[in-house]
Amino acid sequence: MATNLWTADRRLYLNADGKAVEADDPTRQSLLVAQGGTIPLADAEKYGLVTIVPAQIANIAPAPEEKAKAAPTNKAKAAPENK
């Protein structure tokens, strides 16, 4: 199942410049994501943790709010008239 979340395989931090750094980096300042934690795929790309190519975008499931917007209208048939 495709998802729009990225799961971290290690603890990652942000430094003063807002860049993602490893846990042993002395410039780390705040935790970005814990091991096994998730962040939006767009954020993972912004921090340089992944690279998304256009072919991969087609395989990503839409966010729940986008999915709700694209829901088809109710196509229920009217009740049949009595014979």
Protein backbone atom coordinates (compact mmCIF):
# COMPACT_ATOMS: atom_id res chain seq x y z
CA MET A 1 0.00 0.00 0.00
CA ALA A 2 1.43 3.37 -0.97
CA THR A 3 1.61 6.13 1.62
CA ASN A 4 2.69 9.73 1.84
CA LEU A 5 4.71 9.20 5.03
CA TRP A 6 8.42 8.49 5.43
CA THR A 7 9.53 6.17 8.26
CA ALA A 8 12.89 6.86 9.86
CA ASP A 9 15.35 4.00 10.35
CA ARG A 10 17.37 6.05 12.89
CA ARG A 11 17.06 9.14 15.11
CA LEU A 12 17.48 12.36 13.15
CA TYR A 13 17.88 15.87 14.48
CA LEU A 14 17.79 19.43 13.15
CA ASN A 15 20.78 21.72 13.60
CA ALA A 16 20.70 25.53 14.00
CA ASP A 17 20.54 25.94 10.23
CA GLY A 18 17.44 23.71 9.99
CA LYS A 19 19.28 20.86 8.28
CA ALA A 20 18.77 17.19 9.18
CA VAL A 21 21.79 15.70 10.98
CA GLU A 22 22.65 12.36 12.57
CA ALA A 23 22.24 11.69 16.29
CA ASP A 24 26.01 11.83 16.91
CA ASP A 25 26.43 15.25 15.22
CA PRO A 26 27.59 17.84 17.80
CA THR A 27 25.55 20.57 16.06
CA ARG A 28 22.21 18.82 16.65
CA GLN A 29 19.62 20.93 18.45
CA SER A 30 16.16 19.37 18.25
CA LEU A 31 14.76 15.97 17.42
CA LEU A 32 13.23 15.78 13.94
CA VAL A 33 12.08 12.16 14.08
CA ALA A 34 12.76 9.17 16.33
CA GLN A 35 13.70 5.73 15.02
CA GLY A 36 10.52 4.14 13.65
CA GLY A 37 8.72 7.49 13.65
CA THR A 38 7.15 9.02 10.57
CA ILE A 39 7.13 12.44 8.94
CA PRO A 40 5.33 13.60 5.81
CA LEU A 41 7.12 12.54 2.64
CA ALA A 42 7.26 16.18 1.51
CA ASP A 43 9.21 17.07 4.68
CA ALA A 44 11.57 14.14 4.16
CA GLU A 45 12.29 15.43 0.67
CA LYS A 46 12.73 19.00 1.97
CA TYR A 47 15.39 17.82 4.44
CA GLY A 48 17.17 15.76 1.77
CA LEU A 49 16.30 12.39 3.30
CA VAL A 50 14.68 11.06 0.11
CA THR A 51 14.46 12.03 -3.53
CA ILE A 52 11.10 11.72 -5.22
CA VAL A 53 11.05 11.17 -8.96
CA PRO A 54 7.89 11.84 -11.00
CA ALA A 55 7.29 8.13 -11.65
CA GLN A 56 7.04 7.57 -7.88
CA ILE A 57 4.49 10.34 -7.37
CA ALA A 58 1.87 8.41 -9.33
CA ASN A 59 2.20 5.54 -6.83
CA ILE A 60 1.59 7.70 -3.76
CA ALA A 61 -1.89 7.48 -2.28
CA PRO A 62 -3.69 10.80 -1.85
CA ALA A 63 -3.96 12.32 1.61
CA PRO A 64 -7.29 11.56 3.34
CA GLU A 65 -8.61 15.09 2.80
CA GLU A 66 -7.75 14.91 -0.92
CA LYS A 67 -9.42 11.52 -1.15
CA ALA A 68 -12.58 12.93 0.46
CA LYS A 69 -12.71 15.77 -2.09
CA ALA A 70 -12.50 13.30 -4.96
CA ALA A 71 -15.31 11.08 -3.66
CA PRO A 72 -17.99 10.46 -6.28
CA THR A 73 -21.49 11.76 -5.78
CA ASN A 74 -24.15 9.38 -4.52
CA LYS A 75 -25.35 7.32 -7.46
CA ALA A 76 -28.19 5.57 -5.66
CA LYS A 77 -31.19 4.84 -7.88
CA ALA A 78 -34.59 6.18 -7.00
CA ALA A 79 -37.03 3.75 -5.46
CA PRO A 80 -39.05 1.91 -8.12
CA GLU A 81 -42.68 2.90 -8.55
CA ASN A 82 -45.35 0.42 -7.47
CA LYS A 83 -46.68 -1.69 -10.29
